[in-house]
Amino acid sequence: MGSKLLFYLVILPISKLPFGMLYLISDFLYLILYKIIGYRTKVVRSNLENSFPDKTSSEIKKIEAKFYSHLCDLVVESLKAFSISLDEAKERMKDRNIEVVNQYYKQGRQVVLVGGHYGNWELFAITIGATTEHKALALYTPLKNEFINDKITKSRSKYGLGMLSIKEIKSKLTEINSDLYATIFGADQSPRKSQRAYWVKFLNQETGIQFGTEKFAKEFNAVVIFTNIYKVKRGYYELQYDVITEQPNEEEFGYISKTHTEMLEKVIQEQPEFWLWSHKRWKHKRPEDEILH
């Protein structure tokens, strides 16, 4: 089935279903993906065992099962994002303390919002443009499928979020510097081979992290704010903002990167089932000539 047919005949009609029916689909997906197919179970199990060596096999399996349940919820909630209204999205993604971000708009300061693939980042993308006084801007890597890429970027940006491809960053730096932006970084993905990683201890493992958040913050003297998405109950989330630094250029090299990684680690340790364990996060090993911080 072509991308267009898949979108218009399957994805869009499913997105218009009420949440109650979507969660029935999620429950069915859980049986298929986890119990029958075992989608990426080896990756998930390995990631969990390496991250929590002190947990028993039974404890690991419980986290694993909860993760797959959340993952299936995330799939249907992401489909819902194509048609959800702003009012319903904001009802399901509440802000605990958006004033932490908005105070810097009044001060004329740029901000960087950094977090990880935790909770529901798609619903966050839908709502952030309507809740922050800054212009919300998300950096993203384009998908190879141009049609699907276009549909996803339009969906995420329909309520005010700006989407900027990483291929366009250099050409847009002057434009970004001329206004007040809340620039969003998902900083828990593996660096590309072309990127020089910053190495830290994360979830009991040597981990290369992208340095872009820190580099960008120093470039624009932007306040760095850790952004966490708590899952309150099925289909409902809350956002918590915590300032990492107001003066990025006064911080020593690596402080910002290390701190936002430690903050994400703490969140994951408290409720591990809501992080994206199916991602091959540790596929790269630290070169001998690179320092572990």
C-alpha atoms as a PDB file:
ATOM      1  CA  MET A   1       0.000   0.000   0.000  1.00  0.00           C
ATOM      2  CA  GLY A   2       1.408   3.387  -0.999  1.00  0.00           C
ATOM      3  CA  SER A   3       2.047   6.108   1.554  1.00  0.00           C
ATOM      4  CA  LYS A   4      -0.898   8.220   0.398  1.00  0.00           C
ATOM      5  CA  LEU A   5      -3.363   5.331   0.479  1.00  0.00           C
ATOM      6  CA  LEU A   6      -2.071   4.258   3.888  1.00  0.00           C
ATOM      7  CA  PHE A   7      -2.529   7.751   5.256  1.00  0.00           C
ATOM      8  CA  TYR A   8      -5.984   8.492   3.833  1.00  0.00           C
ATOM      9  CA  LEU A   9      -7.512   5.017   4.144  1.00  0.00           C
ATOM     10  CA  VAL A  10      -6.003   3.860   7.441  1.00  0.00           C
ATOM     11  CA  ILE A  11      -4.166   6.473   9.501  1.00  0.00           C
ATOM     12  CA  LEU A  12      -6.580   9.397   9.121  1.00  0.00           C
ATOM     13  CA  PRO A  13      -9.798   7.388   9.730  1.00  0.00           C
ATOM     14  CA  ILE A  14      -8.244   5.760  12.819  1.00  0.00           C
ATOM     15  CA  SER A  15      -7.151   9.168  14.128  1.00  0.00           C
ATOM     16  CA  LYS A  16     -10.769  10.329  14.127  1.00  0.00           C
ATOM     17  CA  LEU A  17     -11.946   7.541  16.414  1.00  0.00           C
ATOM     18  CA  PRO A  18     -12.740   8.436  20.053  1.00  0.00           C
ATOM     19  CA  PHE A  19     -10.049   7.658  22.611  1.00  0.00           C
ATOM     20  CA  GLY A  20     -12.044   4.774  24.070  1.00  0.00           C
ATOM     21  CA  MET A  21     -11.923   2.907  20.760  1.00  0.00           C
ATOM     22  CA  LEU A  22      -8.286   3.847  20.237  1.00  0.00           C
ATOM     23  CA  TYR A  23      -7.348   2.203  23.522  1.00  0.00           C
ATOM     24  CA  LEU A  24      -9.133  -0.986  22.468  1.00  0.00           C
ATOM     25  CA  ILE A  25      -6.867  -0.918  19.403  1.00  0.00           C
ATOM     26  CA  SER A  26      -3.915  -0.306  21.713  1.00  0.00           C
ATOM     27  CA  ASP A  27      -4.803  -3.356  23.808  1.00  0.00           C
ATOM     28  CA  PHE A  28      -4.990  -5.456  20.640  1.00  0.00           C
ATOM     29  CA  LEU A  29      -1.643  -4.079  19.428  1.00  0.00           C
ATOM     30  CA  TYR A  30      -0.113  -5.041  22.765  1.00  0.00           C
ATOM     31  CA  LEU A  31      -1.090  -8.672  22.219  1.00  0.00           C
ATOM     32  CA  ILE A  32       0.230  -8.640  18.644  1.00  0.00           C
ATOM     33  CA  LEU A  33       3.471  -6.680  19.118  1.00  0.00           C
ATOM     34  CA  TYR A  34       4.535  -8.018  22.493  1.00  0.00           C
ATOM     35  CA  LYS A  35       2.884 -11.373  23.097  1.00  0.00           C
ATOM     36  CA  ILE A  36       2.851 -12.764  19.537  1.00  0.00           C
ATOM     37  CA  ILE A  37       5.471 -11.033  17.382  1.00  0.00           C
ATOM     38  CA  GLY A  38       7.840  -9.981  20.134  1.00  0.00           C
ATOM     39  CA  TYR A  39       8.666  -6.683  18.422  1.00  0.00           C
ATOM     40  CA  ARG A  40      12.237  -5.732  19.402  1.00  0.00           C
ATOM     41  CA  THR A  41      11.967  -7.670  22.654  1.00  0.00           C
ATOM     42  CA  LYS A  42      15.667  -8.581  22.510  1.00  0.00           C
ATOM     43  CA  VAL A  43      16.606  -4.904  22.269  1.00  0.00           C
ATOM     44  CA  VAL A  44      14.225  -3.893  25.057  1.00  0.00           C
ATOM     45  CA  ARG A  45      15.283  -6.716  27.384  1.00  0.00           C
ATOM     46  CA  SER A  46      18.979  -6.036  26.806  1.00  0.00           C
ATOM     47  CA  ASN A  47      18.550  -2.297  27.394  1.00  0.00           C
ATOM     48  CA  LEU A  48      16.634  -2.888  30.609  1.00  0.00           C
ATOM     49  CA  GLU A  49      19.032  -5.506  31.979  1.00  0.00           C
ATOM     50  CA  ASN A  50      22.076  -3.341  31.269  1.00  0.00           C
ATOM     51  CA  SER A  51      20.414  -0.242  32.729  1.00  0.00           C
ATOM     52  CA  PHE A  52      19.159  -1.954  35.891  1.00  0.00           C
ATOM     53  CA  PRO A  53      21.655  -4.715  36.768  1.00  0.00           C
ATOM     54  CA  ASP A  54      20.362  -4.872  40.349  1.00  0.00           C
ATOM     55  CA  LYS A  55      16.796  -5.737  39.355  1.00  0.00           C
ATOM     56  CA  THR A  56      15.616  -9.332  39.251  1.00  0.00           C
ATOM     57  CA  SER A  57      14.431 -11.048  36.091  1.00  0.00           C
ATOM     58  CA  SER A  58      10.860 -10.766  37.356  1.00  0.00           C
ATOM     59  CA  GLU A  59      11.208  -7.019  37.931  1.00  0.00           C
ATOM     60  CA  ILE A  60      12.689  -6.536  34.460  1.00  0.00           C
ATOM     61  CA  LYS A  61       9.806  -8.441  32.862  1.00  0.00           C
ATOM     62  CA  LYS A  62       7.246  -6.299  34.711  1.00  0.00           C
ATOM     63  CA  ILE A  63       8.873  -3.093  33.439  1.00  0.00           C
ATOM     64  CA  GLU A  64       9.071  -4.600  29.963  1.00  0.00           C
ATOM     65  CA  ALA A  65       5.351  -5.441  29.914  1.00  0.00           C
ATOM     66  CA  LYS A  66       4.412  -1.965  31.166  1.00  0.00           C
ATOM     67  CA  PHE A  67       6.656  -0.424  28.514  1.00  0.00           C
ATOM     68  CA  TYR A  68       4.928  -2.288  25.681  1.00  0.00           C
ATOM     69  CA  SER A  69       1.536  -1.255  27.035  1.00  0.00           C
ATOM     70  CA  HIS A  70       2.669   2.377  27.044  1.00  0.00           C
ATOM     71  CA  LEU A  71       4.267   2.023  23.602  1.00  0.00           C
ATOM     72  CA  CYS A  72       0.984   0.836  22.111  1.00  0.00           C
ATOM     73  CA  ASP A  73      -0.842   3.720  23.793  1.00  0.00           C
ATOM     74  CA  LEU A  74       1.757   6.042  22.303  1.00  0.00           C
ATOM     75  CA  VAL A  75       1.117   4.633  18.814  1.00  0.00           C
ATOM     76  CA  VAL A  76      -2.625   5.307  18.896  1.00  0.00           C
ATOM     77  CA  GLU A  77      -2.181   8.661  20.640  1.00  0.00           C
ATOM     78  CA  SER A  78       0.273   9.679  17.922  1.00  0.00           C
ATOM     79  CA  LEU A  79      -2.295   8.730  15.275  1.00  0.00           C
ATOM     80  CA  LYS A  80      -4.875  10.797  17.132  1.00  0.00           C
ATOM     81  CA  ALA A  81      -2.547  13.792  16.853  1.00  0.00           C
ATOM     82  CA  PHE A  82      -3.401  14.081  13.152  1.00  0.00           C
ATOM     83  CA  SER A  83      -6.966  15.155  13.955  1.00  0.00           C
ATOM     84  CA  ILE A  84      -7.072  16.178  17.631  1.00  0.00           C
ATOM     85  CA  SER A  85      -8.397  19.640  18.491  1.00  0.00           C
ATOM     86  CA  LEU A  86      -6.250  22.090  20.414  1.00  0.00           C
ATOM     87  CA  ASP A  87      -8.709  22.150  23.332  1.00  0.00           C
ATOM     88  CA  GLU A  88      -8.651  18.372  23.698  1.00  0.00           C
ATOM     89  CA  ALA A  89      -4.878  18.254  23.337  1.00  0.00           C
ATOM     90  CA  LYS A  90      -4.412  20.855  26.065  1.00  0.00           C
ATOM     91  CA  GLU A  91      -6.824  18.951  28.295  1.00  0.00           C
ATOM     92  CA  ARG A  92      -4.606  15.892  27.973  1.00  0.00           C
ATOM     93  CA  MET A  93      -1.263  17.707  28.226  1.00  0.00           C
ATOM     94  CA  LYS A  94      -1.379  20.020  31.248  1.00  0.00           C
ATOM     95  CA  ASP A  95       1.350  22.477  32.271  1.00  0.00           C
ATOM     96  CA  ARG A  96       2.420  22.394  35.896  1.00  0.00           C
ATOM     97  CA  ASN A  97       4.568  25.515  35.730  1.00  0.00           C
ATOM     98  CA  ILE A  98       4.721  27.127  32.263  1.00  0.00           C
ATOM     99  CA  GLU A  99       5.497  30.407  34.040  1.00  0.00           C
ATOM    100  CA  VAL A 100       9.047  29.114  34.467  1.00  0.00           C
ATOM    101  CA  VAL A 101       9.447  29.386  30.689  1.00  0.00           C
ATOM    102  CA  ASN A 102       7.363  32.490  30.090  1.00  0.00           C
ATOM    103  CA  GLN A 103       9.240  34.612  32.632  1.00  0.00           C
ATOM    104  CA  TYR A 104      12.214  34.674  30.262  1.00  0.00           C
ATOM    105  CA  TYR A 105      10.095  36.022  27.421  1.00  0.00           C
ATOM    106  CA  LYS A 106       9.394  39.073  29.581  1.00  0.00           C
ATOM    107  CA  GLN A 107      13.156  39.350  30.144  1.00  0.00           C
ATOM    108  CA  GLY A 108      13.855  39.193  26.416  1.00  0.00           C
ATOM    109  CA  ARG A 109      15.735  35.874  26.705  1.00  0.00           C
ATOM    110  CA  GLN A 110      15.880  32.931  24.344  1.00  0.00           C
ATOM    111  CA  VAL A 111      15.238  29.539  25.940  1.00  0.00           C
ATOM    112  CA  VAL A 112      16.184  25.968  25.113  1.00  0.00           C
ATOM    113  CA  LEU A 113      13.785  23.215  26.182  1.00  0.00           C
ATOM    114  CA  VAL A 114      15.604  19.909  26.476  1.00  0.00           C
ATOM    115  CA  GLY A 115      14.163  16.507  27.284  1.00  0.00           C
ATOM    116  CA  GLY A 116      13.996  12.943  26.075  1.00  0.00           C
ATOM    117  CA  HIS A 117      11.685  10.455  24.418  1.00  0.00           C
ATOM    118  CA  TYR A 118       9.668  10.024  27.564  1.00  0.00           C
ATOM    119  CA  GLY A 119       5.908  10.209  28.086  1.00  0.00           C
ATOM    120  CA  ASN A 120       4.197  11.507  24.946  1.00  0.00           C
ATOM    121  CA  TRP A 121       6.402  13.910  22.998  1.00  0.00           C
ATOM    122  CA  GLU A 122       3.957  14.037  20.053  1.00  0.00           C
ATOM    123  CA  LEU A 123       1.207  15.524  22.238  1.00  0.00           C
ATOM    124  CA  PHE A 124       3.781  17.936  23.646  1.00  0.00           C
ATOM    125  CA  ALA A 125       4.589  19.048  20.091  1.00  0.00           C
ATOM    126  CA  ILE A 126       0.910  19.694  19.417  1.00  0.00           C
ATOM    127  CA  THR A 127       0.405  21.918  22.479  1.00  0.00           C
ATOM    128  CA  ILE A 128       3.690  23.754  23.132  1.00  0.00           C
ATOM    129  CA  GLY A 129       3.165  26.389  20.442  1.00  0.00           C
ATOM    130  CA  ALA A 130      -0.078  27.454  22.087  1.00  0.00           C
ATOM    131  CA  THR A 131       1.202  27.613  25.662  1.00  0.00           C
ATOM    132  CA  THR A 132       4.563  29.364  25.549  1.00  0.00           C
ATOM    133  CA  GLU A 133       4.899  33.080  24.878  1.00  0.00           C
ATOM    134  CA  HIS A 134       8.077  32.391  22.931  1.00  0.00           C
ATOM    135  CA  LYS A 135       7.891  31.133  19.377  1.00  0.00           C
ATOM    136  CA  ALA A 136       8.213  27.383  19.831  1.00  0.00           C
ATOM    137  CA  LEU A 137      10.679  25.747  17.445  1.00  0.00           C
ATOM    138  CA  ALA A 138      11.533  22.058  17.110  1.00  0.00           C
ATOM    139  CA  LEU A 139      14.603  20.780  15.307  1.00  0.00           C
ATOM    140  CA  TYR A 140      14.074  17.514  13.445  1.00  0.00           C
ATOM    141  CA  THR A 141      15.698  15.079  11.053  1.00  0.00           C
ATOM    142  CA  PRO A 142      13.535  14.692   7.910  1.00  0.00           C
ATOM    143  CA  LEU A 143      12.147  11.242   7.086  1.00  0.00           C
ATOM    144  CA  LYS A 144      13.110   9.650   3.787  1.00  0.00           C
ATOM    145  CA  ASN A 145       9.428   9.349   2.840  1.00  0.00           C
ATOM    146  CA  GLU A 146       8.598  12.907   1.782  1.00  0.00           C
ATOM    147  CA  PHE A 147       4.812  12.450   1.912  1.00  0.00           C
ATOM    148  CA  ILE A 148       4.754  11.056   5.458  1.00  0.00           C
ATOM    149  CA  ASN A 149       7.375  13.594   6.541  1.00  0.00           C
ATOM    150  CA  ASP A 150       5.156  16.403   5.242  1.00  0.00           C
ATOM    151  CA  LYS A 151       2.073  15.070   7.025  1.00  0.00           C
ATOM    152  CA  ILE A 152       3.882  14.653  10.338  1.00  0.00           C
ATOM    153  CA  THR A 153       5.491  18.111  10.258  1.00  0.00           C
ATOM    154  CA  LYS A 154       2.165  19.736   9.359  1.00  0.00           C
ATOM    155  CA  SER A 155       0.419  17.863  12.166  1.00  0.00           C
ATOM    156  CA  ARG A 156       3.006  18.882  14.752  1.00  0.00           C
ATOM    157  CA  SER A 157       3.020  22.516  13.632  1.00  0.00           C
ATOM    158  CA  LYS A 158      -0.726  23.099  13.215  1.00  0.00           C
ATOM    159  CA  TYR A 159      -1.115  24.860  16.586  1.00  0.00           C
ATOM    160  CA  GLY A 160       1.934  27.086  16.531  1.00  0.00           C
ATOM    161  CA  LEU A 161       5.063  24.923  16.686  1.00  0.00           C
ATOM    162  CA  GLY A 162       7.698  25.817  14.116  1.00  0.00           C
ATOM    163  CA  MET A 163       9.545  22.891  12.543  1.00  0.00           C
ATOM    164  CA  LEU A 164      13.130  23.360  11.378  1.00  0.00           C
ATOM    165  CA  SER A 165      15.071  20.644   9.599  1.00  0.00           C
ATOM    166  CA  ILE A 166      18.611  20.116  10.871  1.00  0.00           C
ATOM    167  CA  LYS A 167      19.667  20.682   7.261  1.00  0.00           C
ATOM    168  CA  GLU A 168      18.399  24.277   7.503  1.00  0.00           C
ATOM    169  CA  ILE A 169      19.913  25.303  10.831  1.00  0.00           C
ATOM    170  CA  LYS A 170      22.946  27.138   9.479  1.00  0.00           C
ATOM    171  CA  SER A 171      20.898  29.155   7.005  1.00  0.00           C
ATOM    172  CA  LYS A 172      18.344  30.117   9.680  1.00  0.00           C
ATOM    173  CA  LEU A 173      20.684  31.157  12.505  1.00  0.00           C
ATOM    174  CA  THR A 174      20.292  34.894  11.824  1.00  0.00           C
ATOM    175  CA  GLU A 175      16.518  34.560  11.704  1.00  0.00           C
ATOM    176  CA  ILE A 176      16.445  32.647  15.000  1.00  0.00           C
ATOM    177  CA  ASN A 177      18.650  35.250  16.648  1.00  0.00           C
ATOM    178  CA  SER A 178      16.285  38.053  15.616  1.00  0.00           C
ATOM    179  CA  ASP A 179      13.324  36.852  17.695  1.00  0.00           C
ATOM    180  CA  LEU A 180      12.568  35.072  20.974  1.00  0.00           C
ATOM    181  CA  TYR A 181      12.365  31.327  20.561  1.00  0.00           C
ATOM    182  CA  ALA A 182      11.809  28.309  22.771  1.00  0.00           C
ATOM    183  CA  THR A 183      13.927  25.829  20.827  1.00  0.00           C
ATOM    184  CA  ILE A 184      13.224  22.179  21.575  1.00  0.00           C
ATOM    185  CA  PHE A 185      15.839  19.428  21.709  1.00  0.00           C
ATOM    186  CA  GLY A 186      15.260  15.719  22.204  1.00  0.00           C
ATOM    187  CA  ALA A 187      18.719  14.940  23.527  1.00  0.00           C
ATOM    188  CA  ASP A 188      18.571  11.203  24.197  1.00  0.00           C
ATOM    189  CA  GLN A 189      19.139   9.906  20.674  1.00  0.00           C
ATOM    190  CA  SER A 190      22.432   8.386  19.580  1.00  0.00           C
ATOM    191  CA  PRO A 191      24.713  10.849  17.791  1.00  0.00           C
ATOM    192  CA  ARG A 192      25.108  10.255  14.074  1.00  0.00           C
ATOM    193  CA  LYS A 193      28.433   8.871  12.922  1.00  0.00           C
ATOM    194  CA  SER A 194      29.391  12.303  11.621  1.00  0.00           C
ATOM    195  CA  GLN A 195      28.887  13.867  15.054  1.00  0.00           C
ATOM    196  CA  ARG A 196      31.488  13.911  17.783  1.00  0.00           C
ATOM    197  CA  ALA A 197      29.747  12.607  20.880  1.00  0.00           C
ATOM    198  CA  TYR A 198      30.026  13.808  24.452  1.00  0.00           C
ATOM    199  CA  TRP A 199      30.461  10.706  26.592  1.00  0.00           C
ATOM    200  CA  VAL A 200      28.805  10.289  29.981  1.00  0.00           C
ATOM    201  CA  LYS A 201      27.646   7.512  32.300  1.00  0.00           C
ATOM    202  CA  PHE A 202      23.922   7.144  31.655  1.00  0.00           C
ATOM    203  CA  LEU A 203      21.781   4.303  33.001  1.00  0.00           C
ATOM    204  CA  ASN A 204      24.826   2.350  34.103  1.00  0.00           C
ATOM    205  CA  GLN A 205      26.447   2.499  30.650  1.00  0.00           C
ATOM    206  CA  GLU A 206      28.984   4.588  28.759  1.00  0.00           C
ATOM    207  CA  THR A 207      26.788   6.682  26.523  1.00  0.00           C
ATOM    208  CA  GLY A 208      27.541   9.067  23.708  1.00  0.00           C
ATOM    209  CA  ILE A 209      25.125  11.990  23.668  1.00  0.00           C
ATOM    210  CA  GLN A 210      24.502  14.718  21.130  1.00  0.00           C
ATOM    211  CA  PHE A 211      26.254  17.955  22.037  1.00  0.00           C
ATOM    212  CA  GLY A 212      23.866  20.142  20.037  1.00  0.00           C
ATOM    213  CA  THR A 213      21.811  21.339  23.003  1.00  0.00           C
ATOM    214  CA  GLU A 214      24.798  22.790  24.803  1.00  0.00           C
ATOM    215  CA  LYS A 215      26.337  24.229  21.638  1.00  0.00           C
ATOM    216  CA  PHE A 216      23.063  25.913  20.644  1.00  0.00           C
ATOM    217  CA  ALA A 217      22.485  27.326  24.144  1.00  0.00           C
ATOM    218  CA  LYS A 218      25.930  28.913  24.223  1.00  0.00           C
ATOM    219  CA  GLU A 219      25.555  30.259  20.668  1.00  0.00           C
ATOM    220  CA  PHE A 220      22.380  32.168  21.572  1.00  0.00           C
ATOM    221  CA  ASN A 221      23.009  32.684  25.301  1.00  0.00           C
ATOM    222  CA  ALA A 222      19.747  30.842  25.869  1.00  0.00           C
ATOM    223  CA  VAL A 223      18.362  29.783  29.241  1.00  0.00           C
ATOM    224  CA  VAL A 224      18.393  25.978  29.380  1.00  0.00           C
ATOM    225  CA  ILE A 225      15.303  24.317  30.826  1.00  0.00           C
ATOM    226  CA  PHE A 226      14.823  20.597  31.365  1.00  0.00           C
ATOM    227  CA  THR A 227      11.364  19.574  30.184  1.00  0.00           C
ATOM    228  CA  ASN A 228       9.762  16.415  31.499  1.00  0.00           C
ATOM    229  CA  ILE A 229       6.494  14.808  30.463  1.00  0.00           C
ATOM    230  CA  TYR A 230       4.875  12.871  33.318  1.00  0.00           C
ATOM    231  CA  LYS A 231       2.202  10.296  32.529  1.00  0.00           C
ATOM    232  CA  VAL A 232      -0.536  10.861  35.092  1.00  0.00           C
ATOM    233  CA  LYS A 233      -2.879   8.167  33.789  1.00  0.00           C
ATOM    234  CA  ARG A 234      -3.809   6.623  30.472  1.00  0.00           C
ATOM    235  CA  GLY A 235      -4.051   9.406  27.895  1.00  0.00           C
ATOM    236  CA  TYR A 236      -3.206  12.233  30.319  1.00  0.00           C
ATOM    237  CA  TYR A 237       0.151  13.923  30.865  1.00  0.00           C
ATOM    238  CA  GLU A 238       1.678  16.836  32.747  1.00  0.00           C
ATOM    239  CA  LEU A 239       4.672  19.005  31.859  1.00  0.00           C
ATOM    240  CA  GLN A 240       7.286  20.028  34.408  1.00  0.00           C
ATOM    241  CA  TYR A 241       9.945  22.658  33.634  1.00  0.00           C
ATOM    242  CA  ASP A 242      13.190  22.925  35.638  1.00  0.00           C
ATOM    243  CA  VAL A 243      15.911  25.474  34.915  1.00  0.00           C
ATOM    244  CA  ILE A 244      19.393  24.033  34.347  1.00  0.00           C
ATOM    245  CA  THR A 245      21.177  27.346  33.847  1.00  0.00           C
ATOM    246  CA  GLU A 246      20.388  30.969  33.092  1.00  0.00           C
ATOM    247  CA  GLN A 247      23.971  31.731  32.050  1.00  0.00           C
ATOM    248  CA  PRO A 248      25.141  28.992  29.662  1.00  0.00           C
ATOM    249  CA  ASN A 249      28.358  30.762  28.716  1.00  0.00           C
ATOM    250  CA  GLU A 250      29.458  30.874  32.338  1.00  0.00           C
ATOM    251  CA  GLU A 251      29.181  27.090  32.707  1.00  0.00           C
ATOM    252  CA  GLU A 252      32.189  24.836  32.193  1.00  0.00           C
ATOM    253  CA  PHE A 253      32.377  22.690  29.086  1.00  0.00           C
ATOM    254  CA  GLY A 254      30.010  19.738  29.339  1.00  0.00           C
ATOM    255  CA  TYR A 255      28.026  20.949  32.357  1.00  0.00           C
ATOM    256  CA  ILE A 256      24.780  21.454  30.419  1.00  0.00           C
ATOM    257  CA  SER A 257      25.051  18.134  28.589  1.00  0.00           C
ATOM    258  CA  LYS A 258      25.871  16.201  31.731  1.00  0.00           C
ATOM    259  CA  THR A 259      23.136  17.863  33.781  1.00  0.00           C
ATOM    260  CA  HIS A 260      20.232  17.346  31.386  1.00  0.00           C
ATOM    261  CA  THR A 261      21.337  13.715  30.970  1.00  0.00           C
ATOM    262  CA  GLU A 262      21.403  13.197  34.749  1.00  0.00           C
ATOM    263  CA  MET A 263      17.954  14.774  35.097  1.00  0.00           C
ATOM    264  CA  LEU A 264      16.511  12.475  32.440  1.00  0.00           C
ATOM    265  CA  GLU A 265      18.162   9.488  34.083  1.00  0.00           C
ATOM    266  CA  LYS A 266      16.487  10.308  37.405  1.00  0.00           C
ATOM    267  CA  VAL A 267      13.082  10.516  35.742  1.00  0.00           C
ATOM    268  CA  ILE A 268      13.605   7.186  33.974  1.00  0.00           C
ATOM    269  CA  GLN A 269      14.738   5.474  37.173  1.00  0.00           C
ATOM    270  CA  GLU A 270      11.555   6.599  38.931  1.00  0.00           C
ATOM    271  CA  GLN A 271       9.169   5.331  36.205  1.00  0.00           C
ATOM    272  CA  PRO A 272      11.184   3.421  33.600  1.00  0.00           C
ATOM    273  CA  GLU A 273       8.229   2.103  31.605  1.00  0.00           C
ATOM    274  CA  PHE A 274       7.588   5.471  29.953  1.00  0.00           C
ATOM    275  CA  TRP A 275      10.942   5.801  28.156  1.00  0.00           C
ATOM    276  CA  LEU A 276      11.583   4.524  24.615  1.00  0.00           C
ATOM    277  CA  TRP A 277      13.418   1.274  25.391  1.00  0.00           C
ATOM    278  CA  SER A 278      12.940  -0.147  21.889  1.00  0.00           C
ATOM    279  CA  HIS A 279      15.466   2.353  20.502  1.00  0.00           C
ATOM    280  CA  LYS A 280      18.981   0.967  19.924  1.00  0.00           C
ATOM    281  CA  ARG A 281      20.429   3.638  22.159  1.00  0.00           C
ATOM    282  CA  TRP A 282      23.797   2.034  22.850  1.00  0.00           C
ATOM    283  CA  LYS A 283      24.776   0.879  19.358  1.00  0.00           C
ATOM    284  CA  HIS A 284      27.931   3.043  19.355  1.00  0.00           C
ATOM    285  CA  LYS A 285      30.911   2.362  21.609  1.00  0.00           C
ATOM    286  CA  ARG A 286      33.243   5.008  22.982  1.00  0.00           C
ATOM    287  CA  PRO A 287      36.476   5.395  20.969  1.00  0.00           C
ATOM    288  CA  GLU A 288      39.599   4.975  23.082  1.00  0.00           C
ATOM    289  CA  ASP A 289      40.690   8.572  22.416  1.00  0.00           C
ATOM    290  CA  GLU A 290      37.452  10.136  23.706  1.00  0.00           C
ATOM    291  CA  ILE A 291      37.035  11.017  27.358  1.00  0.00           C
ATOM    292  CA  LEU A 292      34.257   9.699  29.584  1.00  0.00           C
ATOM    293  CA  HIS A 293      32.957  12.535  31.795  1.00  0.00           C
END
